[in-house]
Amino acid sequence: MTEDNPIEGQILVLTAAKASVAGDRVPDLVAEGRRAAEVRADDLRRRYESVHEDDVRTVLLAPEGFWAEVGEDLGWSEREREAVARANAEQLLRVGRREDRREEFETALELREAVVVGSDRERETREQ
């Protein structure tokens, strides 16, 4: 995790290795996506299922096309959007391995997209 992102550093490295965008661009893209999602985090939390929350992150399941919509708003290429969506999905799968819920999350990702935002607890700590 970087200071500006609840997605773990190893996930960013993995995403950068697999992405068709410059590896040094991935952390910035993911942080930009997180900021875009967090602007409407309260609405997202009401509309979408939260499948995990800890002191650092909340993971929501949004309909397919969520990151395409965000990417369009931010002027991302398809490859940039795919990198951000992959990083969010990989973070969900990492949580799934830790919580013995990987199969459940893999199935969920067949129909929806993971959206990782800072937890309410993390946000409250930053605001203090």
N, C-alpha and C. Protein backbone atom coordinates (compact mmCIF):
# COMPACT_ATOMS: atom_id res chain seq x y z
N MET A 1 0.84 -1.18 0.00
CA MET A 1 0.00 0.00 0.00
C MET A 1 0.88 1.24 0.00
N THR A 2 0.52 2.20 -0.81
CA THR A 2 1.21 3.47 -0.76
C THR A 2 0.38 4.43 0.09
N GLU A 3 0.95 5.55 0.44
CA GLU A 3 0.23 6.51 1.27
C GLU A 3 -1.06 6.95 0.59
N ASP A 4 -1.08 6.99 -0.73
CA ASP A 4 -2.23 7.48 -1.46
C ASP A 4 -3.12 6.35 -1.98
N ASN A 5 -2.86 5.11 -1.58
CA ASN A 5 -3.60 4.02 -2.18
C ASN A 5 -3.72 2.82 -1.27
N PRO A 6 -4.93 2.28 -1.09
CA PRO A 6 -5.11 1.10 -0.25
C PRO A 6 -4.80 -0.21 -0.96
N ILE A 7 -4.25 -0.12 -2.15
CA ILE A 7 -3.83 -1.33 -2.88
C ILE A 7 -2.37 -1.58 -2.55
N GLU A 8 -2.08 -2.79 -2.14
CA GLU A 8 -0.74 -3.15 -1.68
C GLU A 8 0.31 -3.00 -2.79
N GLY A 9 1.51 -2.66 -2.37
CA GLY A 9 2.62 -2.47 -3.30
C GLY A 9 2.89 -3.67 -4.17
N GLN A 10 2.80 -4.87 -3.60
CA GLN A 10 3.02 -6.09 -4.40
C GLN A 10 1.99 -6.23 -5.51
N ILE A 11 0.78 -5.79 -5.22
CA ILE A 11 -0.28 -5.84 -6.24
C ILE A 11 0.06 -4.87 -7.37
N LEU A 12 0.57 -3.70 -7.02
CA LEU A 12 0.95 -2.73 -8.05
C LEU A 12 2.09 -3.27 -8.91
N VAL A 13 3.06 -3.93 -8.28
CA VAL A 13 4.18 -4.52 -9.02
C VAL A 13 3.66 -5.61 -9.96
N LEU A 14 2.80 -6.48 -9.46
CA LEU A 14 2.22 -7.54 -10.28
C LEU A 14 1.44 -6.96 -11.45
N THR A 15 0.64 -5.96 -11.17
CA THR A 15 -0.15 -5.32 -12.22
C THR A 15 0.76 -4.68 -13.27
N ALA A 16 1.80 -4.00 -12.81
CA ALA A 16 2.73 -3.36 -13.74
C ALA A 16 3.40 -4.38 -14.65
N ALA A 17 3.71 -5.56 -14.09
CA ALA A 17 4.36 -6.60 -14.89
C ALA A 17 3.42 -7.15 -15.97
N LYS A 18 2.14 -7.17 -15.68
CA LYS A 18 1.16 -7.73 -16.62
C LYS A 18 0.53 -6.69 -17.53
N ALA A 19 0.61 -5.43 -17.14
CA ALA A 19 -0.09 -4.37 -17.88
C ALA A 19 0.62 -4.02 -19.17
N SER A 20 -0.16 -3.52 -20.09
CA SER A 20 0.38 -3.04 -21.36
C SER A 20 0.58 -1.54 -21.31
N VAL A 21 0.88 -1.05 -20.11
CA VAL A 21 1.22 0.37 -19.93
C VAL A 21 2.54 0.41 -19.18
N ALA A 22 3.20 1.54 -19.21
CA ALA A 22 4.49 1.68 -18.52
C ALA A 22 4.31 1.35 -17.03
N GLY A 23 5.20 0.53 -16.52
CA GLY A 23 5.10 0.08 -15.13
C GLY A 23 5.10 1.21 -14.13
N ASP A 24 5.86 2.26 -14.41
CA ASP A 24 5.91 3.38 -13.47
C ASP A 24 4.63 4.21 -13.50
N ARG A 25 3.81 3.99 -14.49
CA ARG A 25 2.52 4.71 -14.62
C ARG A 25 1.42 4.04 -13.80
N VAL A 26 1.54 2.75 -13.52
CA VAL A 26 0.48 2.00 -12.84
C VAL A 26 0.12 2.58 -11.47
N PRO A 27 1.07 2.84 -10.58
CA PRO A 27 0.67 3.40 -9.27
C PRO A 27 -0.09 4.72 -9.40
N ASP A 28 0.31 5.57 -10.34
CA ASP A 28 -0.38 6.84 -10.54
C ASP A 28 -1.80 6.62 -11.06
N LEU A 29 -1.96 5.70 -12.01
CA LEU A 29 -3.29 5.40 -12.54
C LEU A 29 -4.21 4.86 -11.46
N VAL A 30 -3.68 3.92 -10.67
CA VAL A 30 -4.48 3.31 -9.61
C VAL A 30 -4.87 4.36 -8.57
N ALA A 31 -3.94 5.23 -8.22
CA ALA A 31 -4.25 6.30 -7.26
C ALA A 31 -5.29 7.26 -7.85
N GLU A 32 -5.18 7.57 -9.13
CA GLU A 32 -6.14 8.45 -9.79
C GLU A 32 -7.53 7.81 -9.79
N GLY A 33 -7.58 6.51 -10.06
CA GLY A 33 -8.85 5.78 -10.03
C GLY A 33 -9.45 5.76 -8.64
N ARG A 34 -8.60 5.55 -7.66
CA ARG A 34 -9.07 5.54 -6.27
C ARG A 34 -9.66 6.90 -5.91
N ARG A 35 -8.98 7.98 -6.27
CA ARG A 35 -9.50 9.31 -5.95
C ARG A 35 -10.85 9.56 -6.64
N ALA A 36 -10.96 9.12 -7.89
CA ALA A 36 -12.23 9.29 -8.62
C ALA A 36 -13.35 8.50 -7.95
N ALA A 37 -13.04 7.30 -7.46
CA ALA A 37 -14.04 6.47 -6.78
C ALA A 37 -14.38 7.07 -5.41
N GLU A 38 -13.37 7.57 -4.72
CA GLU A 38 -13.61 8.07 -3.36
C GLU A 38 -14.44 9.35 -3.33
N VAL A 39 -14.43 10.12 -4.41
CA VAL A 39 -15.27 11.31 -4.48
C VAL A 39 -16.73 10.91 -4.29
N ARG A 40 -17.07 9.74 -4.77
CA ARG A 40 -18.45 9.26 -4.64
C ARG A 40 -18.56 7.99 -3.80
N ALA A 41 -17.61 7.84 -2.86
CA ALA A 41 -17.55 6.62 -2.05
C ALA A 41 -18.81 6.37 -1.24
N ASP A 42 -19.40 7.41 -0.68
CA ASP A 42 -20.62 7.21 0.10
C ASP A 42 -21.73 6.63 -0.77
N ASP A 43 -21.87 7.16 -1.97
CA ASP A 43 -22.87 6.64 -2.90
C ASP A 43 -22.53 5.21 -3.31
N LEU A 44 -21.26 4.94 -3.57
CA LEU A 44 -20.86 3.58 -3.95
C LEU A 44 -21.16 2.60 -2.82
N ARG A 45 -20.89 3.00 -1.60
CA ARG A 45 -21.16 2.11 -0.45
C ARG A 45 -22.65 1.81 -0.32
N ARG A 46 -23.50 2.77 -0.66
CA ARG A 46 -24.95 2.54 -0.59
C ARG A 46 -25.42 1.65 -1.73
N ARG A 47 -24.83 1.81 -2.90
CA ARG A 47 -25.32 1.12 -4.10
C ARG A 47 -24.73 -0.27 -4.30
N TYR A 48 -23.48 -0.48 -3.86
CA TYR A 48 -22.80 -1.73 -4.18
C TYR A 48 -22.46 -2.53 -2.94
N GLU A 49 -22.37 -3.81 -3.14
CA GLU A 49 -22.06 -4.73 -2.05
C GLU A 49 -20.62 -4.55 -1.57
N SER A 50 -20.47 -4.41 -0.27
CA SER A 50 -19.14 -4.39 0.34
C SER A 50 -18.80 -5.81 0.75
N VAL A 51 -17.70 -6.34 0.22
CA VAL A 51 -17.33 -7.73 0.53
C VAL A 51 -16.16 -7.81 1.51
N HIS A 52 -15.56 -6.67 1.81
CA HIS A 52 -14.45 -6.67 2.76
C HIS A 52 -14.20 -5.25 3.24
N GLU A 53 -13.93 -5.13 4.54
CA GLU A 53 -13.47 -3.85 5.08
C GLU A 53 -12.54 -4.14 6.23
N ASP A 54 -11.42 -3.43 6.24
CA ASP A 54 -10.49 -3.50 7.36
C ASP A 54 -10.06 -2.07 7.68
N ASP A 55 -9.00 -1.89 8.42
CA ASP A 55 -8.57 -0.55 8.81
C ASP A 55 -8.04 0.28 7.63
N VAL A 56 -7.73 -0.38 6.52
CA VAL A 56 -7.08 0.31 5.40
C VAL A 56 -8.00 0.46 4.20
N ARG A 57 -8.79 -0.55 3.91
CA ARG A 57 -9.53 -0.55 2.65
C ARG A 57 -10.93 -1.12 2.81
N THR A 58 -11.78 -0.69 1.90
CA THR A 58 -13.10 -1.29 1.68
C THR A 58 -13.10 -1.78 0.25
N VAL A 59 -13.59 -3.00 0.04
CA VAL A 59 -13.68 -3.54 -1.31
C VAL A 59 -15.16 -3.73 -1.64
N LEU A 60 -15.57 -3.09 -2.73
CA LEU A 60 -16.95 -3.14 -3.19
C LEU A 60 -17.00 -3.90 -4.50
N LEU A 61 -18.17 -4.45 -4.80
CA LEU A 61 -18.38 -5.10 -6.08
C LEU A 61 -19.36 -4.26 -6.89
N ALA A 62 -18.85 -3.67 -7.96
CA ALA A 62 -19.65 -2.81 -8.84
C ALA A 62 -19.99 -3.57 -10.11
N PRO A 63 -20.99 -3.12 -10.85
CA PRO A 63 -21.33 -3.78 -12.11
C PRO A 63 -20.17 -3.71 -13.10
N GLU A 64 -20.14 -4.68 -14.01
CA GLU A 64 -19.15 -4.63 -15.07
C GLU A 64 -19.28 -3.30 -15.80
N GLY A 65 -18.16 -2.75 -16.17
CA GLY A 65 -18.16 -1.48 -16.87
C GLY A 65 -17.87 -0.30 -15.96
N PHE A 66 -17.77 -0.55 -14.65
CA PHE A 66 -17.49 0.54 -13.72
C PHE A 66 -16.19 1.24 -14.10
N TRP A 67 -15.10 0.46 -14.26
CA TRP A 67 -13.81 1.09 -14.56
C TRP A 67 -13.76 1.67 -15.97
N ALA A 68 -14.55 1.13 -16.89
CA ALA A 68 -14.63 1.73 -18.22
C ALA A 68 -15.24 3.13 -18.13
N GLU A 69 -16.27 3.27 -17.30
CA GLU A 69 -16.92 4.57 -17.11
C GLU A 69 -15.95 5.56 -16.46
N VAL A 70 -15.27 5.11 -15.41
CA VAL A 70 -14.29 5.98 -14.74
C VAL A 70 -13.19 6.36 -15.71
N GLY A 71 -12.68 5.37 -16.45
CA GLY A 71 -11.61 5.63 -17.41
C GLY A 71 -12.01 6.61 -18.49
N GLU A 72 -13.25 6.49 -18.93
CA GLU A 72 -13.74 7.43 -19.94
C GLU A 72 -13.77 8.85 -19.37
N ASP A 73 -14.26 8.97 -18.14
CA ASP A 73 -14.31 10.29 -17.49
C ASP A 73 -12.91 10.88 -17.33
N LEU A 74 -11.90 10.02 -17.10
CA LEU A 74 -10.54 10.49 -16.85
C LEU A 74 -9.67 10.52 -18.10
N GLY A 75 -10.22 10.09 -19.22
CA GLY A 75 -9.47 10.12 -20.47
C GLY A 75 -8.42 9.02 -20.60
N TRP A 76 -8.64 7.89 -19.93
CA TRP A 76 -7.70 6.78 -19.99
C TRP A 76 -7.86 6.01 -21.29
N SER A 77 -6.78 5.38 -21.71
CA SER A 77 -6.85 4.43 -22.82
C SER A 77 -7.45 3.13 -22.28
N GLU A 78 -7.82 2.25 -23.16
CA GLU A 78 -8.35 0.95 -22.74
C GLU A 78 -7.32 0.18 -21.91
N ARG A 79 -6.06 0.25 -22.30
CA ARG A 79 -5.00 -0.45 -21.55
C ARG A 79 -4.84 0.12 -20.15
N GLU A 80 -4.95 1.44 -20.03
CA GLU A 80 -4.85 2.05 -18.70
C GLU A 80 -6.03 1.61 -17.83
N ARG A 81 -7.22 1.60 -18.40
CA ARG A 81 -8.40 1.16 -17.67
C ARG A 81 -8.25 -0.29 -17.23
N GLU A 82 -7.77 -1.13 -18.12
CA GLU A 82 -7.57 -2.54 -17.78
C GLU A 82 -6.56 -2.72 -16.65
N ALA A 83 -5.53 -1.90 -16.63
CA ALA A 83 -4.53 -1.99 -15.56
C ALA A 83 -5.15 -1.64 -14.21
N VAL A 84 -5.96 -0.60 -14.18
CA VAL A 84 -6.60 -0.20 -12.92
C VAL A 84 -7.61 -1.26 -12.48
N ALA A 85 -8.40 -1.75 -13.40
CA ALA A 85 -9.36 -2.81 -13.05
C ALA A 85 -8.64 -4.05 -12.54
N ARG A 86 -7.53 -4.41 -13.17
CA ARG A 86 -6.75 -5.58 -12.75
C ARG A 86 -6.20 -5.40 -11.34
N ALA A 87 -5.67 -4.22 -11.05
CA ALA A 87 -5.11 -3.96 -9.72
C ALA A 87 -6.18 -4.10 -8.65
N ASN A 88 -7.36 -3.57 -8.90
CA ASN A 88 -8.45 -3.67 -7.95
C ASN A 88 -8.89 -5.13 -7.78
N ALA A 89 -8.99 -5.86 -8.88
CA ALA A 89 -9.37 -7.28 -8.81
C ALA A 89 -8.31 -8.09 -8.08
N GLU A 90 -7.05 -7.84 -8.36
CA GLU A 90 -5.98 -8.58 -7.70
C GLU A 90 -5.97 -8.31 -6.19
N GLN A 91 -6.28 -7.07 -5.79
CA GLN A 91 -6.35 -6.78 -4.36
C GLN A 91 -7.48 -7.56 -3.72
N LEU A 92 -8.62 -7.65 -4.37
CA LEU A 92 -9.72 -8.46 -3.86
C LEU A 92 -9.31 -9.92 -3.72
N LEU A 93 -8.64 -10.45 -4.73
CA LEU A 93 -8.20 -11.86 -4.67
C LEU A 93 -7.17 -12.08 -3.58
N ARG A 94 -6.30 -11.10 -3.34
CA ARG A 94 -5.33 -11.20 -2.25
C ARG A 94 -6.06 -11.28 -0.91
N VAL A 95 -7.06 -10.45 -0.72
CA VAL A 95 -7.88 -10.50 0.49
C VAL A 95 -8.57 -11.86 0.58
N GLY A 96 -9.06 -12.33 -0.54
CA GLY A 96 -9.74 -13.64 -0.57
C GLY A 96 -8.83 -14.78 -0.13
N ARG A 97 -7.58 -14.74 -0.53
CA ARG A 97 -6.64 -15.78 -0.10
C ARG A 97 -6.45 -15.72 1.41
N ARG A 98 -6.32 -14.52 1.94
CA ARG A 98 -6.12 -14.36 3.39
C ARG A 98 -7.33 -14.83 4.20
N GLU A 99 -8.51 -14.59 3.65
CA GLU A 99 -9.74 -14.89 4.38
C GLU A 99 -10.36 -16.23 3.97
N ASP A 100 -9.65 -16.99 3.17
CA ASP A 100 -10.16 -18.27 2.66
C ASP A 100 -11.49 -18.07 1.92
N ARG A 101 -11.54 -17.04 1.10
CA ARG A 101 -12.74 -16.71 0.32
C ARG A 101 -12.41 -16.52 -1.16
N ARG A 102 -11.25 -17.03 -1.57
CA ARG A 102 -10.80 -16.78 -2.94
C ARG A 102 -11.82 -17.26 -3.99
N GLU A 103 -12.34 -18.46 -3.82
CA GLU A 103 -13.30 -18.98 -4.81
C GLU A 103 -14.53 -18.09 -4.91
N GLU A 104 -15.01 -17.66 -3.76
CA GLU A 104 -16.18 -16.77 -3.72
C GLU A 104 -15.89 -15.49 -4.50
N PHE A 105 -14.71 -14.91 -4.29
CA PHE A 105 -14.37 -13.66 -4.95
C PHE A 105 -14.09 -13.87 -6.44
N GLU A 106 -13.49 -14.99 -6.80
CA GLU A 106 -13.27 -15.28 -8.22
C GLU A 106 -14.60 -15.36 -8.96
N THR A 107 -15.57 -16.02 -8.34
CA THR A 107 -16.90 -16.13 -8.93
C THR A 107 -17.54 -14.76 -9.06
N ALA A 108 -17.42 -13.94 -8.03
CA ALA A 108 -18.00 -12.60 -8.06
C ALA A 108 -17.40 -11.78 -9.20
N LEU A 109 -16.11 -11.95 -9.45
CA LEU A 109 -15.43 -11.17 -10.49
C LEU A 109 -15.83 -11.60 -11.90
N GLU A 110 -16.53 -12.72 -12.03
CA GLU A 110 -17.03 -13.11 -13.35
C GLU A 110 -18.16 -12.20 -13.80
N LEU A 111 -18.84 -11.57 -12.83
CA LEU A 111 -20.01 -10.75 -13.15
C LEU A 111 -19.86 -9.28 -12.76
N ARG A 112 -18.91 -9.00 -11.88
CA ARG A 112 -18.77 -7.64 -11.36
C ARG A 112 -17.30 -7.25 -11.30
N GLU A 113 -17.06 -5.99 -10.98
CA GLU A 113 -15.70 -5.47 -10.87
C GLU A 113 -15.42 -5.03 -9.44
N ALA A 114 -14.21 -5.27 -9.00
CA ALA A 114 -13.79 -4.84 -7.67
C ALA A 114 -13.45 -3.36 -7.70
N VAL A 115 -13.85 -2.67 -6.65
CA VAL A 115 -13.53 -1.26 -6.46
C VAL A 115 -12.96 -1.14 -5.05
N VAL A 116 -11.69 -0.80 -4.96
CA VAL A 116 -11.02 -0.68 -3.67
C VAL A 116 -10.91 0.80 -3.32
N VAL A 117 -11.48 1.15 -2.18
CA VAL A 117 -11.38 2.52 -1.67
C VAL A 117 -10.87 2.47 -0.25
N GLY A 118 -10.42 3.60 0.25
CA GLY A 118 -9.99 3.66 1.64
C GLY A 118 -11.17 3.37 2.55
N SER A 119 -10.91 2.72 3.66
CA SER A 119 -11.98 2.41 4.60
C SER A 119 -12.47 3.68 5.28
N ASP A 120 -13.66 3.61 5.85
CA ASP A 120 -14.16 4.74 6.64
C ASP A 120 -13.21 5.04 7.77
N ARG A 121 -12.65 3.99 8.37
CA ARG A 121 -11.72 4.17 9.49
C ARG A 121 -10.46 4.89 9.02
N GLU A 122 -9.94 4.51 7.85
CA GLU A 122 -8.74 5.15 7.31
C GLU A 122 -9.03 6.61 6.99
N ARG A 123 -10.19 6.89 6.43
CA ARG A 123 -10.57 8.24 6.08
C ARG A 123 -10.72 9.12 7.33
N GLU A 124 -11.33 8.57 8.38
CA GLU A 124 -11.48 9.32 9.62
C GLU A 124 -10.12 9.65 10.22
N THR A 125 -9.19 8.72 10.15
CA THR A 125 -7.84 8.95 10.68
C THR A 125 -7.15 10.08 9.92
N ARG A 126 -7.28 10.09 8.60
CA ARG A 126 -6.67 11.14 7.77
C ARG A 126 -7.27 12.50 8.07
N GLU A 127 -8.57 12.54 8.35
CA GLU A 127 -9.25 13.82 8.57
C GLU A 127 -8.93 14.42 9.93
N GLN A 128 -8.43 13.63 10.86
CA GLN A 128 -8.13 14.13 12.22
C GLN A 128 -6.86 14.92 12.26
